[in-house]
Every structure is written in C-alpha cells, then in structure tokens.
C-alpha cells in the first residue's frame, strides 16, 4: 500500500538518510522517497501506521500524519 507520511524534525541530508534507513528496516517496505523540503515521505509498505509511527519516533522524528 502506498502511504504518505508527514514528518517533523528533518533538517539535513543525514536526516533524510536516517529516515530512509529506518523505513527500510520495516518488513515489506520498498520505493521510499524522502523529501526534505516538504518534510514528507512517499513509501510502498505493508507495515501498519502504528509500526511506522513507532519506528520513526524511535529514530528521533515526529510523525504528523499518515495518509
């Protein structure tokens, strides 16, 4: 399922890489596109919204919404 995740807390290229690595660790997650300018991620994943929130929170970022 394609999901759009709105984040808060990314400020540089390292943050983008960290978010991407965090999502890559989730099962059934592919095609991750992180956009620093809009603080958002487009991702193809089978992970639940709760699992996504937990992983991103543990990485040090805030999930504002998942569509």
PDB file of N, CA and C in Angstrom:
ATOM      1  N   UNK A   1       0.836  -1.172   0.000  1.00  0.00           N
ATOM      2  CA  UNK A   1       0.000   0.000   0.000  1.00  0.00           C
ATOM      3  C   UNK A   1       0.890   1.247   0.000  1.00  0.00           C
ATOM      4  N   UNK A   2       0.579   2.210  -0.843  1.00  0.00           N
ATOM      5  CA  UNK A   2       1.322   3.464  -0.926  1.00  0.00           C
ATOM      6  C   UNK A   2       0.846   4.383   0.200  1.00  0.00           C
ATOM      7  N   UNK A   3       1.812   4.932   0.948  1.00  0.00           N
ATOM      8  CA  UNK A   3       1.471   5.829   2.053  1.00  0.00           C
ATOM      9  C   UNK A   3       2.291   7.100   1.958  1.00  0.00           C
ATOM     10  N   UNK A   4       1.692   8.199   2.399  1.00  0.00           N
ATOM     11  CA  UNK A   4       2.390   9.475   2.506  1.00  0.00           C
ATOM     12  C   UNK A   4       2.495   9.792   3.989  1.00  0.00           C
ATOM     13  N   UNK A   5       3.723  10.022   4.443  1.00  0.00           N
ATOM     14  CA  UNK A   5       3.980  10.289   5.853  1.00  0.00           C
ATOM     15  C   UNK A   5       4.482  11.717   5.981  1.00  0.00           C
ATOM     16  N   UNK A   6       3.815  12.509   6.802  1.00  0.00           N
ATOM     17  CA  UNK A   6       4.244  13.883   7.061  1.00  0.00           C
ATOM     18  C   UNK A   6       5.046  13.884   8.353  1.00  0.00           C
ATOM     19  N   UNK A   7       6.272  14.414   8.288  1.00  0.00           N
ATOM     20  CA  UNK A   7       7.184  14.378   9.427  1.00  0.00           C
ATOM     21  C   UNK A   7       7.519  15.770   9.933  1.00  0.00           C
ATOM     22  N   UNK A   8       8.124  15.784  11.107  1.00  0.00           N
ATOM     23  CA  UNK A   8       8.689  16.995  11.679  1.00  0.00           C
ATOM     24  C   UNK A   8      10.041  16.617  12.267  1.00  0.00           C
ATOM     25  N   UNK A   9      11.033  17.479  12.057  1.00  0.00           N
ATOM     26  CA  UNK A   9      12.322  17.246  12.687  1.00  0.00           C
ATOM     27  C   UNK A   9      13.475  16.955  11.745  1.00  0.00           C
ATOM     28  N   UNK A  10      13.202  16.787  10.443  1.00  0.00           N
ATOM     29  CA  UNK A  10      14.301  16.568   9.499  1.00  0.00           C
ATOM     30  C   UNK A  10      14.899  17.921   9.128  1.00  0.00           C
ATOM     31  N   UNK A  11      16.238  18.016   9.161  1.00  0.00           N
ATOM     32  CA  UNK A  11      16.860  19.305   8.858  1.00  0.00           C
ATOM     33  C   UNK A  11      18.026  19.224   7.872  1.00  0.00           C
ATOM     34  N   UNK A  12      18.414  18.004   7.467  1.00  0.00           N
ATOM     35  CA  UNK A  12      19.585  17.885   6.587  1.00  0.00           C
ATOM     36  C   UNK A  12      19.555  16.554   5.833  1.00  0.00           C
ATOM     37  N   UNK A  13      20.537  16.386   4.973  1.00  0.00           N
ATOM     38  CA  UNK A  13      20.642  15.154   4.201  1.00  0.00           C
ATOM     39  C   UNK A  13      20.845  13.927   5.065  1.00  0.00           C
ATOM     40  N   UNK A  14      21.544  14.093   6.180  1.00  0.00           N
ATOM     41  CA  UNK A  14      21.739  12.967   7.101  1.00  0.00           C
ATOM     42  C   UNK A  14      20.396  12.509   7.667  1.00  0.00           C
ATOM     43  N   UNK A  15      19.526  13.461   7.974  1.00  0.00           N
ATOM     44  CA  UNK A  15      18.190  13.119   8.479  1.00  0.00           C
ATOM     45  C   UNK A  15      17.411  12.321   7.436  1.00  0.00           C
ATOM     46  N   UNK A  16      17.504  12.750   6.183  1.00  0.00           N
ATOM     47  CA  UNK A  16      16.826  12.049   5.090  1.00  0.00           C
ATOM     48  C   UNK A  16      17.304  10.602   5.026  1.00  0.00           C
ATOM     49  N   UNK A  17      18.620  10.408   5.078  1.00  0.00           N
ATOM     50  CA  UNK A  17      19.191   9.060   5.035  1.00  0.00           C
ATOM     51  C   UNK A  17      18.755   8.244   6.242  1.00  0.00           C
ATOM     52  N   UNK A  18      18.695   8.866   7.412  1.00  0.00           N
ATOM     53  CA  UNK A  18      18.304   8.167   8.635  1.00  0.00           C
ATOM     54  C   UNK A  18      16.847   7.702   8.556  1.00  0.00           C
ATOM     55  N   UNK A  19      15.960   8.571   8.072  1.00  0.00           N
ATOM     56  CA  UNK A  19      14.549   8.199   7.920  1.00  0.00           C
ATOM     57  C   UNK A  19      14.421   7.058   6.912  1.00  0.00           C
ATOM     58  N   UNK A  20      15.143   7.151   5.805  1.00  0.00           N
ATOM     59  CA  UNK A  20      15.080   6.097   4.781  1.00  0.00           C
ATOM     60  C   UNK A  20      15.562   4.764   5.345  1.00  0.00           C
ATOM     61  N   UNK A  21      16.677   4.770   6.064  1.00  0.00           N
ATOM     62  CA  UNK A  21      17.198   3.541   6.676  1.00  0.00           C
ATOM     63  C   UNK A  21      16.210   2.967   7.691  1.00  0.00           C
ATOM     64  N   UNK A  22      15.572   3.845   8.444  1.00  0.00           N
ATOM     65  CA  UNK A  22      14.590   3.411   9.438  1.00  0.00           C
ATOM     66  C   UNK A  22      13.433   2.685   8.765  1.00  0.00           C
ATOM     67  N   UNK A  23      12.926   3.244   7.679  1.00  0.00           N
ATOM     68  CA  UNK A  23      11.802   2.628   6.974  1.00  0.00           C
ATOM     69  C   UNK A  23      12.215   1.365   6.224  1.00  0.00           C
ATOM     70  N   UNK A  24      13.442   1.339   5.708  1.00  0.00           N
ATOM     71  CA  UNK A  24      13.931   0.137   5.017  1.00  0.00           C
ATOM     72  C   UNK A  24      13.974  -1.068   5.944  1.00  0.00           C
ATOM     73  N   UNK A  25      14.109  -0.830   7.234  1.00  0.00           N
ATOM     74  CA  UNK A  25      14.181  -1.916   8.210  1.00  0.00           C
ATOM     75  C   UNK A  25      12.816  -2.567   8.456  1.00  0.00           C
ATOM     76  N   UNK A  26      11.738  -1.902   8.051  1.00  0.00           N
ATOM     77  CA  UNK A  26      10.398  -2.469   8.232  1.00  0.00           C
ATOM     78  C   UNK A  26      10.125  -3.499   7.142  1.00  0.00           C
ATOM     79  N   UNK A  27       9.422  -4.565   7.511  1.00  0.00           N
ATOM     80  CA  UNK A  27       9.084  -5.618   6.550  1.00  0.00           C
ATOM     81  C   UNK A  27       8.192  -5.088   5.444  1.00  0.00           C
ATOM     82  N   UNK A  28       8.380  -5.641   4.246  1.00  0.00           N
ATOM     83  CA  UNK A  28       7.539  -5.318   3.090  1.00  0.00           C
ATOM     84  C   UNK A  28       7.512  -3.830   2.772  1.00  0.00           C
ATOM     85  N   UNK A  29       8.655  -3.164   2.908  1.00  0.00           N
ATOM     86  CA  UNK A  29       8.727  -1.735   2.624  1.00  0.00           C
ATOM     87  C   UNK A  29       9.704  -1.495   1.478  1.00  0.00           C
ATOM     88  N   UNK A  30       9.211  -0.841   0.420  1.00  0.00           N
ATOM     89  CA  UNK A  30      10.019  -0.560  -0.765  1.00  0.00           C
ATOM     90  C   UNK A  30       9.700   0.842  -1.278  1.00  0.00           C
ATOM     91  N   UNK A  31      10.416   1.253  -2.295  1.00  0.00           N
ATOM     92  CA  UNK A  31      10.154   2.511  -3.004  1.00  0.00           C
ATOM     93  C   UNK A  31       9.973   3.682  -2.033  1.00  0.00           C
ATOM     94  N   UNK A  32      11.021   3.980  -1.275  1.00  0.00           N
ATOM     95  CA  UNK A  32      10.980   5.043  -0.269  1.00  0.00           C
ATOM     96  C   UNK A  32      11.512   6.330  -0.881  1.00  0.00           C
ATOM     97  N   UNK A  33      10.692   7.376  -0.866  1.00  0.00           N
ATOM     98  CA  UNK A  33      11.085   8.683  -1.387  1.00  0.00           C
ATOM     99  C   UNK A  33      10.924   9.713  -0.275  1.00  0.00           C
ATOM    100  N   UNK A  34      12.052  10.196   0.249  1.00  0.00           N
ATOM    101  CA  UNK A  34      12.036  11.163   1.340  1.00  0.00           C
ATOM    102  C   UNK A  34      12.293  12.548   0.759  1.00  0.00           C
ATOM    103  N   UNK A  35      11.444  13.523   1.104  1.00  0.00           N
ATOM    104  CA  UNK A  35      11.575  14.893   0.605  1.00  0.00           C
ATOM    105  C   UNK A  35      11.833  15.833   1.774  1.00  0.00           C
ATOM    106  N   UNK A  36      13.051  16.342   1.854  1.00  0.00           N
ATOM    107  CA  UNK A  36      13.433  17.229   2.949  1.00  0.00           C
ATOM    108  C   UNK A  36      12.638  18.532   2.909  1.00  0.00           C
ATOM    109  N   UNK A  37      12.423  19.078   1.723  1.00  0.00           N
ATOM    110  CA  UNK A  37      11.722  20.356   1.578  1.00  0.00           C
ATOM    111  C   UNK A  37      10.309  20.340   2.120  1.00  0.00           C
ATOM    112  N   UNK A  38       9.593  19.245   1.881  1.00  0.00           N
ATOM    113  CA  UNK A  38       8.207  19.150   2.354  1.00  0.00           C
ATOM    114  C   UNK A  38       8.086  18.351   3.646  1.00  0.00           C
ATOM    115  N   UNK A  39       9.233  17.833   4.140  1.00  0.00           N
ATOM    116  CA  UNK A  39       9.243  17.023   5.360  1.00  0.00           C
ATOM    117  C   UNK A  39       8.270  15.847   5.231  1.00  0.00           C
ATOM    118  N   UNK A  40       8.309  15.185   4.073  1.00  0.00           N
ATOM    119  CA  UNK A  40       7.376  14.084   3.846  1.00  0.00           C
ATOM    120  C   UNK A  40       8.070  12.894   3.200  1.00  0.00           C
ATOM    121  N   UNK A  41       7.384  11.751   3.274  1.00  0.00           N
ATOM    122  CA  UNK A  41       7.890  10.508   2.702  1.00  0.00           C
ATOM    123  C   UNK A  41       6.761   9.843   1.927  1.00  0.00           C
ATOM    124  N   UNK A  42       7.067   9.377   0.724  1.00  0.00           N
ATOM    125  CA  UNK A  42       6.170   8.504  -0.022  1.00  0.00           C
ATOM    126  C   UNK A  42       6.795   7.127   0.034  1.00  0.00           C
ATOM    127  N   UNK A  43       6.005   6.129   0.419  1.00  0.00           N
ATOM    128  CA  UNK A  43       6.563   4.801   0.611  1.00  0.00           C
ATOM    129  C   UNK A  43       5.535   3.735   0.258  1.00  0.00           C
ATOM    130  N   UNK A  44       6.014   2.647  -0.299  1.00  0.00           N
ATOM    131  CA  UNK A  44       5.196   1.460  -0.550  1.00  0.00           C
ATOM    132  C   UNK A  44       5.494   0.507   0.591  1.00  0.00           C
ATOM    133  N   UNK A  45       4.478   0.198   1.403  1.00  0.00           N
ATOM    134  CA  UNK A  45       4.721  -0.631   2.582  1.00  0.00           C
ATOM    135  C   UNK A  45       3.494  -1.430   2.995  1.00  0.00           C
ATOM    136  N   UNK A  46       3.765  -2.546   3.620  1.00  0.00           N
ATOM    137  CA  UNK A  46       2.712  -3.352   4.211  1.00  0.00           C
ATOM    138  C   UNK A  46       2.643  -3.136   5.714  1.00  0.00           C
ATOM    139  N   UNK A  47       3.539  -2.289   6.237  1.00  0.00           N
ATOM    140  CA  UNK A  47       3.585  -2.020   7.678  1.00  0.00           C
ATOM    141  C   UNK A  47       2.365  -1.210   8.110  1.00  0.00           C
ATOM    142  N   UNK A  48       1.929  -1.449   9.331  1.00  0.00           N
ATOM    143  CA  UNK A  48       0.803  -0.691   9.874  1.00  0.00           C
ATOM    144  C   UNK A  48       1.247   0.732  10.202  1.00  0.00           C
ATOM    145  N   UNK A  49       0.278   1.631  10.285  1.00  0.00           N
ATOM    146  CA  UNK A  49       0.585   3.015  10.648  1.00  0.00           C
ATOM    147  C   UNK A  49       1.253   3.073  12.015  1.00  0.00           C
ATOM    148  N   UNK A  50       0.804   2.259  12.941  1.00  0.00           N
ATOM    149  CA  UNK A  50       1.375   2.246  14.291  1.00  0.00           C
ATOM    150  C   UNK A  50       2.844   1.823  14.264  1.00  0.00           C
ATOM    151  N   UNK A  51       3.162   0.826  13.471  1.00  0.00           N
ATOM    152  CA  UNK A  51       4.552   0.370  13.344  1.00  0.00           C
ATOM    153  C   UNK A  51       5.431   1.461  12.733  1.00  0.00           C
ATOM    154  N   UNK A  52       4.905   2.139  11.738  1.00  0.00           N
ATOM    155  CA  UNK A  52       5.635   3.242  11.110  1.00  0.00           C
ATOM    156  C   UNK A  52       5.885   4.351  12.126  1.00  0.00           C
ATOM    157  N   UNK A  53       4.840   4.751  12.851  1.00  0.00           N
ATOM    158  CA  UNK A  53       4.978   5.802  13.871  1.00  0.00           C
ATOM    159  C   UNK A  53       6.025   5.428  14.911  1.00  0.00           C
ATOM    160  N   UNK A  54       5.967   4.210  15.382  1.00  0.00           N
ATOM    161  CA  UNK A  54       6.898   3.752  16.414  1.00  0.00           C
ATOM    162  C   UNK A  54       8.341   3.803  15.907  1.00  0.00           C
ATOM    163  N   UNK A  55       8.579   3.309  14.706  1.00  0.00           N
ATOM    164  CA  UNK A  55       9.936   3.289  14.151  1.00  0.00           C
ATOM    165  C   UNK A  55      10.475   4.705  13.965  1.00  0.00           C
ATOM    166  N   UNK A  56       9.655   5.594  13.429  1.00  0.00           N
ATOM    167  CA  UNK A  56      10.100   6.965  13.188  1.00  0.00           C
ATOM    168  C   UNK A  56      10.292   7.711  14.504  1.00  0.00           C
ATOM    169  N   UNK A  57       9.403   7.500  15.461  1.00  0.00           N
ATOM    170  CA  UNK A  57       9.565   8.115  16.788  1.00  0.00           C
ATOM    171  C   UNK A  57      10.868   7.666  17.434  1.00  0.00           C
ATOM    172  N   UNK A  58      11.164   6.372  17.349  1.00  0.00           N
ATOM    173  CA  UNK A  58      12.401   5.840  17.937  1.00  0.00           C
ATOM    174  C   UNK A  58      13.642   6.396  17.236  1.00  0.00           C
ATOM    175  N   UNK A  59      13.489   6.785  15.972  1.00  0.00           N
ATOM    176  CA  UNK A  59      14.607   7.368  15.226  1.00  0.00           C
ATOM    177  C   UNK A  59      14.806   8.849  15.569  1.00  0.00           C
ATOM    178  N   UNK A  60      13.852   9.421  16.302  1.00  0.00           N
ATOM    179  CA  UNK A  60      14.003  10.801  16.756  1.00  0.00           C
ATOM    180  C   UNK A  60      13.215  11.843  15.981  1.00  0.00           C
ATOM    181  N   UNK A  61      12.260  11.399  15.178  1.00  0.00           N
ATOM    182  CA  UNK A  61      11.446  12.324  14.393  1.00  0.00           C
ATOM    183  C   UNK A  61       9.988  12.190  14.812  1.00  0.00           C
ATOM    184  N   UNK A  62       9.179  13.176  14.453  1.00  0.00           N
ATOM    185  CA  UNK A  62       7.772  13.182  14.824  1.00  0.00           C
ATOM    186  C   UNK A  62       6.909  12.962  13.589  1.00  0.00           C
ATOM    187  N   UNK A  63       5.981  12.025  13.676  1.00  0.00           N
ATOM    188  CA  UNK A  63       5.021  11.791  12.598  1.00  0.00           C
ATOM    189  C   UNK A  63       3.826  12.709  12.838  1.00  0.00           C
ATOM    190  N   UNK A  64       3.551  13.586  11.883  1.00  0.00           N
ATOM    191  CA  UNK A  64       2.406  14.487  11.991  1.00  0.00           C
ATOM    192  C   UNK A  64       1.155  13.868  11.385  1.00  0.00           C
ATOM    193  N   UNK A  65       1.345  12.951  10.436  1.00  0.00           N
ATOM    194  CA  UNK A  65       0.199  12.306   9.815  1.00  0.00           C
ATOM    195  C   UNK A  65       0.624  11.250   8.814  1.00  0.00           C
ATOM    196  N   UNK A  66      -0.265  10.286   8.595  1.00  0.00           N
ATOM    197  CA  UNK A  66      -0.041   9.234   7.602  1.00  0.00           C
ATOM    198  C   UNK A  66      -1.313   9.112   6.774  1.00  0.00           C
ATOM    199  N   UNK A  67      -1.159   9.261   5.471  1.00  0.00           N
ATOM    200  CA  UNK A  67      -2.306   9.131   4.554  1.00  0.00           C
ATOM    201  C   UNK A  67      -2.098   7.931   3.657  1.00  0.00           C
TER     202      UNK A  67
END
